């Protein structure tokens, strides 16, 4: 029996994503064969296409950072899961496919009641946001927080969770995306036509408690300028993980700036490698929030998995608010 997946054939734009056929085999050892129901599309997938990503295999390979699906078959050494059980994983790659093989230690149980598309939307983005807010920043009700790139997958997750934690939220996003973001109850700033430093200083002269920045470049310095004395900038995402030496020098520079302002980096892949159990516990916690209606991921569009190239092109257009989800 054969199945299809979408692989990166070479470095480049969405056109390098090609559909290929694979031979289905029985899982070995602790492998679990999973029929994928949904997979998220994110900035890391795009970065993998254009650049060498440390965690990715050699070309050609199948991207796809997070998956949810159903166990079809398990290897002879698998003890935790059974056929028909719903599971999810931070796959890092391999998600743009009809099936995937993963070791059982990478799988998390998914409540049957949850929508597959919503599950795929929260595995990476909401778990990253949850860990940054609760573990890295240790936010408290009433604190003032800026989210740059507020319309992105992690950005909307930070706003959604921030609203749940009763934070006073500010977000940068282009004007045409404000309407879709209004229900998060954040002060939205059109960064293309407004100086967000000036806007925030007028609204909050003493500065903000936290800034979560996933854009980088000049946003790092700008974000640092709106922090209060003792405030914290958290720089997250692929750019941090890939250029850790460069960003470390920036963080070292920040640490010497007066007023006690601080900066640190966050990358979920680094966290996963260091403490997989902790990340999986947080994924389960996010699933509970989703099941209880505490959070609601913003899904921009659902598309067939084999149309991953179109989905990537749409993501790169800059028009997406929230998450694109590939479905089987």
Protein backbone atom coordinates (compact mmCIF):
# COMPACT_ATOMS: atom_id res chain seq x y z
CA UNK A 1 0.00 0.00 0.00
CA UNK A 2 1.23 3.48 -0.85
CA UNK A 3 0.62 6.87 0.73
CA UNK A 4 1.47 10.44 -0.23
CA UNK A 5 3.43 13.20 1.43
CA UNK A 6 4.79 16.61 0.49
CA UNK A 7 8.56 17.01 0.64
CA UNK A 8 11.08 19.81 0.31
CA UNK A 9 13.09 18.83 -2.76
CA UNK A 10 15.61 21.71 -2.53
CA UNK A 11 16.04 25.11 -0.87
CA UNK A 12 13.68 27.77 -2.16
CA UNK A 13 10.12 29.05 -2.34
CA UNK A 14 6.82 27.16 -2.05
CA UNK A 15 7.38 25.68 -5.52
CA UNK A 16 10.05 23.33 -4.12
CA UNK A 17 7.34 21.47 -2.17
CA UNK A 18 6.44 18.42 -4.24
CA UNK A 19 4.02 15.52 -3.73
CA UNK A 20 5.69 12.10 -3.54
CA UNK A 21 4.49 8.54 -3.03
CA UNK A 22 5.84 6.30 -0.26
CA UNK A 23 5.49 2.63 0.54
CA UNK A 24 3.61 1.93 3.75
CA UNK A 25 5.40 -0.52 6.04
CA UNK A 26 4.81 -2.01 9.45
CA UNK A 27 6.22 0.05 12.36
CA UNK A 28 9.38 -1.23 14.01
CA UNK A 29 10.34 -1.44 17.68
CA UNK A 30 8.79 1.51 19.54
CA UNK A 31 7.45 3.14 16.38
CA UNK A 32 3.79 4.05 16.02
CA UNK A 33 2.16 4.38 12.60
CA UNK A 34 -0.23 7.34 12.69
CA UNK A 35 -2.84 8.34 10.11
CA UNK A 36 -2.60 12.13 10.21
CA UNK A 37 -5.82 14.08 10.66
CA UNK A 38 -4.33 17.58 10.71
CA UNK A 39 -1.00 19.37 10.63
CA UNK A 40 -0.18 23.02 11.28
CA UNK A 41 1.64 25.30 8.86
CA UNK A 42 4.05 27.77 10.43
CA UNK A 43 7.03 30.03 10.03
CA UNK A 44 9.45 27.27 10.96
CA UNK A 45 8.31 25.26 7.93
CA UNK A 46 9.08 28.27 5.75
CA UNK A 47 12.49 28.71 7.37
CA UNK A 48 13.29 25.05 6.74
CA UNK A 49 12.72 25.60 3.03
CA UNK A 50 14.99 28.60 2.71
CA UNK A 51 17.70 27.84 5.26
CA UNK A 52 19.51 24.99 6.95
CA UNK A 53 17.47 24.20 10.07
CA UNK A 54 19.49 22.40 12.78
CA UNK A 55 16.81 19.85 13.68
CA UNK A 56 15.88 18.90 10.12
CA UNK A 57 17.23 15.90 8.21
CA UNK A 58 19.10 16.14 4.91
CA UNK A 59 17.20 17.05 1.77
CA UNK A 60 14.82 15.88 0.54
CA UNK A 61 12.56 15.65 3.58
CA UNK A 62 8.94 16.20 4.62
CA UNK A 63 8.28 19.29 6.78
CA UNK A 64 5.43 19.68 9.26
CA UNK A 65 6.13 20.67 12.86
CA UNK A 66 3.01 19.42 14.66
CA UNK A 67 0.50 16.67 13.98
CA UNK A 68 -2.66 15.10 15.34
CA UNK A 69 -3.88 11.73 14.15
CA UNK A 70 -5.02 8.21 14.93
CA UNK A 71 -2.85 5.20 15.74
CA UNK A 72 -3.12 2.73 12.86
CA UNK A 73 -0.53 0.21 13.95
CA UNK A 74 2.13 -0.03 16.63
CA UNK A 75 5.54 -1.66 16.79
CA UNK A 76 6.17 -4.76 18.89
CA UNK A 77 7.81 -2.75 21.70
CA UNK A 78 5.10 -0.09 22.06
CA UNK A 79 3.38 -0.25 25.46
CA UNK A 80 1.53 3.06 25.94
CA UNK A 81 -0.82 3.33 22.98
CA UNK A 82 -3.33 1.15 21.21
CA UNK A 83 -4.83 1.08 17.74
CA UNK A 84 -7.55 3.70 17.20
CA UNK A 85 -6.25 6.04 19.91
CA UNK A 86 -5.93 9.73 19.07
CA UNK A 87 -2.46 11.19 19.55
CA UNK A 88 -0.56 14.39 18.90
CA UNK A 89 3.12 15.28 18.69
CA UNK A 90 5.67 17.96 18.10
CA UNK A 91 6.96 16.10 15.08
CA UNK A 92 9.31 18.98 14.02
CA UNK A 93 9.23 17.49 10.50
CA UNK A 94 7.23 14.81 8.70
CA UNK A 95 3.76 16.31 9.22
CA UNK A 96 2.91 17.15 5.59
CA UNK A 97 1.83 13.60 4.97
CA UNK A 98 -1.06 11.16 5.03
CA UNK A 99 0.84 8.95 7.49
CA UNK A 100 3.79 9.37 9.82
CA UNK A 101 5.99 7.06 11.91
CA UNK A 102 6.91 8.38 15.36
CA UNK A 103 8.42 6.81 18.47
CA UNK A 104 5.89 6.40 21.27
CA UNK A 105 7.84 8.66 23.64
CA UNK A 106 7.00 11.65 21.42
CA UNK A 107 3.22 11.13 21.57
CA UNK A 108 0.58 12.80 23.73
CA UNK A 109 -2.99 11.54 24.12
CA UNK A 110 -5.69 13.77 22.57
CA UNK A 111 -9.21 14.01 24.05
CA UNK A 112 -11.72 12.51 21.62
CA UNK A 113 -14.01 15.54 21.81
CA UNK A 114 -11.50 17.97 20.31
CA UNK A 115 -11.54 19.17 16.72
CA UNK A 116 -8.44 17.99 14.85
CA UNK A 117 -7.82 21.37 13.23
CA UNK A 118 -7.95 23.16 16.57
CA UNK A 119 -5.64 20.60 18.14
CA UNK A 120 -3.10 21.12 15.36
CA UNK A 121 -3.38 24.88 15.94
CA UNK A 122 -2.44 24.72 19.60
CA UNK A 123 0.30 22.07 19.83
CA UNK A 124 3.16 24.36 18.84
CA UNK A 125 1.76 27.89 19.10
CA UNK A 126 -0.23 27.68 22.31
CA UNK A 127 2.26 25.48 24.11
CA UNK A 128 5.01 27.97 23.22
CA UNK A 129 2.82 30.86 24.42
CA UNK A 130 1.82 28.96 27.58
CA UNK A 131 5.42 28.22 28.51
CA UNK A 132 6.55 31.78 27.84
CA UNK A 133 3.73 33.35 29.84
CA UNK A 134 3.55 30.91 32.74
CA UNK A 135 7.07 29.54 33.01
CA UNK A 136 9.43 32.16 31.54
CA UNK A 137 7.63 35.40 32.42
CA UNK A 138 5.46 34.12 35.30
CA UNK A 139 2.85 36.73 34.42
CA UNK A 140 0.39 38.02 37.01
CA UNK A 141 -3.12 39.42 36.52
CA UNK A 142 -3.11 43.11 35.59
CA UNK A 143 0.42 43.22 34.17
CA UNK A 144 1.00 45.14 30.92
CA UNK A 145 2.24 43.08 27.97
CA UNK A 146 3.14 43.85 24.35
CA UNK A 147 2.95 41.16 21.66
CA UNK A 148 4.71 42.07 18.42
CA UNK A 149 3.47 40.26 15.32
CA UNK A 150 0.16 39.82 17.11
CA UNK A 151 -1.62 38.41 14.06
CA UNK A 152 0.66 35.37 13.73
CA UNK A 153 0.07 31.90 15.12
CA UNK A 154 2.06 32.41 18.32
CA UNK A 155 0.97 36.05 18.50
CA UNK A 156 -2.74 35.18 18.57
CA UNK A 157 -2.00 32.41 21.10
CA UNK A 158 -0.26 34.93 23.38
CA UNK A 159 -3.25 37.28 23.10
CA UNK A 160 -5.77 34.50 23.75
CA UNK A 161 -3.94 33.18 26.81
CA UNK A 162 -3.11 36.72 27.94
CA UNK A 163 -6.80 37.58 27.92
CA UNK A 164 -7.51 34.47 29.99
CA UNK A 165 -4.82 35.54 32.49
CA UNK A 166 -6.37 39.04 32.74
CA UNK A 167 -3.34 40.83 31.33
CA UNK A 168 -3.48 44.33 29.88
CA UNK A 169 -2.57 43.59 26.28
CA UNK A 170 -0.99 45.58 23.47
CA UNK A 171 -0.31 44.15 20.03
CA UNK A 172 1.31 45.26 16.78
CA UNK A 173 -0.42 44.25 13.55
CA UNK A 174 -1.25 45.82 10.21
CA UNK A 175 -4.55 47.70 10.16
CA UNK A 176 -6.37 45.22 7.90
CA UNK A 177 -5.95 42.52 10.56
CA UNK A 178 -7.33 44.48 13.52
CA UNK A 179 -10.95 43.42 13.03
CA UNK A 180 -10.13 39.73 13.40
CA UNK A 181 -8.06 40.46 16.52
CA UNK A 182 -10.52 42.75 18.31
CA UNK A 183 -12.09 39.97 20.38
CA UNK A 184 -8.78 39.48 22.23
CA UNK A 185 -9.40 42.87 23.87
CA UNK A 186 -5.88 44.18 23.18
CA UNK A 187 -4.86 47.71 22.29
CA UNK A 188 -3.89 47.13 18.66
CA UNK A 189 -1.23 49.31 17.04
CA UNK A 190 -0.83 49.64 13.27
CA UNK A 191 2.95 49.37 13.19
CA UNK A 192 3.08 50.36 9.50
CA UNK A 193 1.53 53.77 10.14
CA UNK A 194 2.08 54.31 13.85
CA UNK A 195 5.19 54.44 16.00
CA UNK A 196 4.37 51.82 18.62
CA UNK A 197 7.03 53.23 20.96
CA UNK A 198 5.27 56.61 20.96
CA UNK A 199 1.80 55.03 21.30
CA UNK A 200 2.80 52.88 24.27
CA UNK A 201 4.72 55.66 26.01
CA UNK A 202 1.63 57.86 25.77
CA UNK A 203 -0.57 55.10 27.16
CA UNK A 204 1.90 53.72 29.69
CA UNK A 205 4.59 56.32 30.53
CA UNK A 206 6.27 54.06 33.11
CA UNK A 207 6.67 51.27 30.54
CA UNK A 208 5.46 47.69 30.14
CA UNK A 209 6.13 44.66 32.28
CA UNK A 210 6.83 42.31 29.37
CA UNK A 211 7.34 42.27 25.61
CA UNK A 212 7.06 39.06 23.59
CA UNK A 213 8.79 39.51 20.23
CA UNK A 214 8.89 36.92 17.47
CA UNK A 215 9.93 39.30 14.69
CA UNK A 216 13.49 40.21 15.64
CA UNK A 217 15.63 42.68 13.68
CA UNK A 218 14.93 46.29 14.73
CA UNK A 219 11.92 45.17 16.75
CA UNK A 220 14.32 43.89 19.41
CA UNK A 221 15.68 47.35 20.22
CA UNK A 222 12.27 49.03 19.81
CA UNK A 223 10.62 46.49 22.12
CA UNK A 224 13.32 46.99 24.71
CA UNK A 225 12.62 50.73 24.75
CA UNK A 226 9.00 50.32 25.90
CA UNK A 227 9.86 48.19 28.96
CA UNK A 228 9.65 49.60 32.47
CA UNK A 229 12.52 49.45 34.93
CA UNK A 230 12.98 45.74 35.64
CA UNK A 231 10.85 44.71 32.64
CA UNK A 232 11.58 41.60 30.55
CA UNK A 233 11.81 41.11 26.78
CA UNK A 234 11.31 37.53 25.60
CA UNK A 235 12.62 36.89 22.10
CA UNK A 236 11.21 33.70 20.64
CA UNK A 237 10.99 31.68 17.49
CA UNK A 238 13.23 30.21 14.82
CA UNK A 239 15.50 33.25 14.55
CA UNK A 240 16.59 32.80 18.15
CA UNK A 241 17.29 29.10 17.83
CA UNK A 242 19.30 29.45 14.61
CA UNK A 243 21.32 32.48 15.55
CA UNK A 244 21.86 31.82 19.23
CA UNK A 245 25.45 33.07 19.24
CA UNK A 246 24.40 36.36 17.65
CA UNK A 247 21.39 36.87 19.89
CA UNK A 248 23.36 35.94 22.99
CA UNK A 249 25.64 38.87 22.34
CA UNK A 250 22.56 41.09 22.09
CA UNK A 251 21.19 39.73 25.35
CA UNK A 252 24.56 40.31 27.01
CA UNK A 253 24.42 43.90 25.78
CA UNK A 254 20.92 44.29 27.14
CA UNK A 255 21.94 43.01 30.54
CA UNK A 256 24.32 45.94 30.89
CA UNK A 257 21.73 48.60 30.08
CA UNK A 258 20.62 50.68 33.09
CA UNK A 259 17.22 50.37 34.79
CA UNK A 260 17.53 46.61 35.21
CA UNK A 261 15.78 45.71 31.98
CA UNK A 262 16.32 42.11 30.93
CA UNK A 263 16.03 39.94 27.83
CA UNK A 264 16.00 36.23 27.24
CA UNK A 265 15.36 33.86 24.39
CA UNK A 266 12.85 31.06 24.10
CA UNK A 267 12.65 28.20 21.61
CA UNK A 268 10.33 25.24 22.09
CA UNK A 269 12.69 22.86 20.25
CA UNK A 270 15.44 23.67 22.75
CA UNK A 271 13.00 23.12 25.63
CA UNK A 272 11.81 19.85 24.11
CA UNK A 273 15.34 18.51 23.79
CA UNK A 274 16.17 19.48 27.37
CA UNK A 275 12.95 18.33 29.03
CA UNK A 276 10.53 16.47 26.77
CA UNK A 277 8.29 15.43 29.67
CA UNK A 278 7.75 19.03 30.76
CA UNK A 279 6.77 20.13 27.24
CA UNK A 280 4.40 17.18 26.86
CA UNK A 281 2.76 18.02 30.20
CA UNK A 282 2.24 21.56 28.96
CA UNK A 283 0.75 20.29 25.68
CA UNK A 284 -1.73 18.24 27.74
CA UNK A 285 -2.50 21.32 29.87
CA UNK A 286 -3.24 23.32 26.71
CA UNK A 287 -5.52 20.51 25.47
CA UNK A 288 -7.44 20.77 28.75
CA UNK A 289 -7.86 24.53 28.27
CA UNK A 290 -9.15 23.86 24.75
CA UNK A 291 -11.54 21.13 25.92
CA UNK A 292 -12.92 23.41 28.65
CA UNK A 293 -13.50 26.31 26.27
CA UNK A 294 -10.90 28.54 27.94
CA UNK A 295 -9.08 29.18 24.66
CA UNK A 296 -10.17 29.34 21.02
CA UNK A 297 -7.45 29.21 18.33
CA UNK A 298 -7.94 31.47 15.34
CA UNK A 299 -7.86 29.29 12.24
CA UNK A 300 -7.38 31.32 9.08
CA UNK A 301 -7.97 28.47 6.64
CA UNK A 302 -8.11 24.69 6.41
CA UNK A 303 -6.55 23.14 3.31
CA UNK A 304 -5.86 19.57 2.11
CA UNK A 305 -2.46 18.29 3.21
CA UNK A 306 -1.37 17.66 -0.37
CA UNK A 307 -1.93 21.38 -1.09
CA UNK A 308 0.86 22.29 1.33
CA UNK A 309 2.66 24.33 -1.34
CA UNK A 310 -0.41 26.57 -1.74
CA UNK A 311 -0.68 26.86 2.03
CA UNK A 312 2.97 27.92 2.29
CA UNK A 313 2.51 30.48 -0.47
CA UNK A 314 -0.51 31.88 1.38
CA UNK A 315 1.44 32.08 4.63
CA UNK A 316 4.28 33.94 2.93
CA UNK A 317 1.83 36.45 1.44
CA UNK A 318 1.59 38.16 4.82
CA UNK A 319 -2.21 38.15 4.70
CA UNK A 320 -2.72 35.36 7.23
CA UNK A 321 -4.19 36.09 10.65
CA UNK A 322 -3.93 33.11 12.98
CA UNK A 323 -3.13 29.58 11.77
CA UNK A 324 -3.30 27.68 8.49
CA UNK A 325 -4.14 24.01 9.06
CA UNK A 326 -3.61 21.13 6.65
CA UNK A 327 -6.19 18.35 6.95
CA UNK A 328 -6.62 14.78 5.68
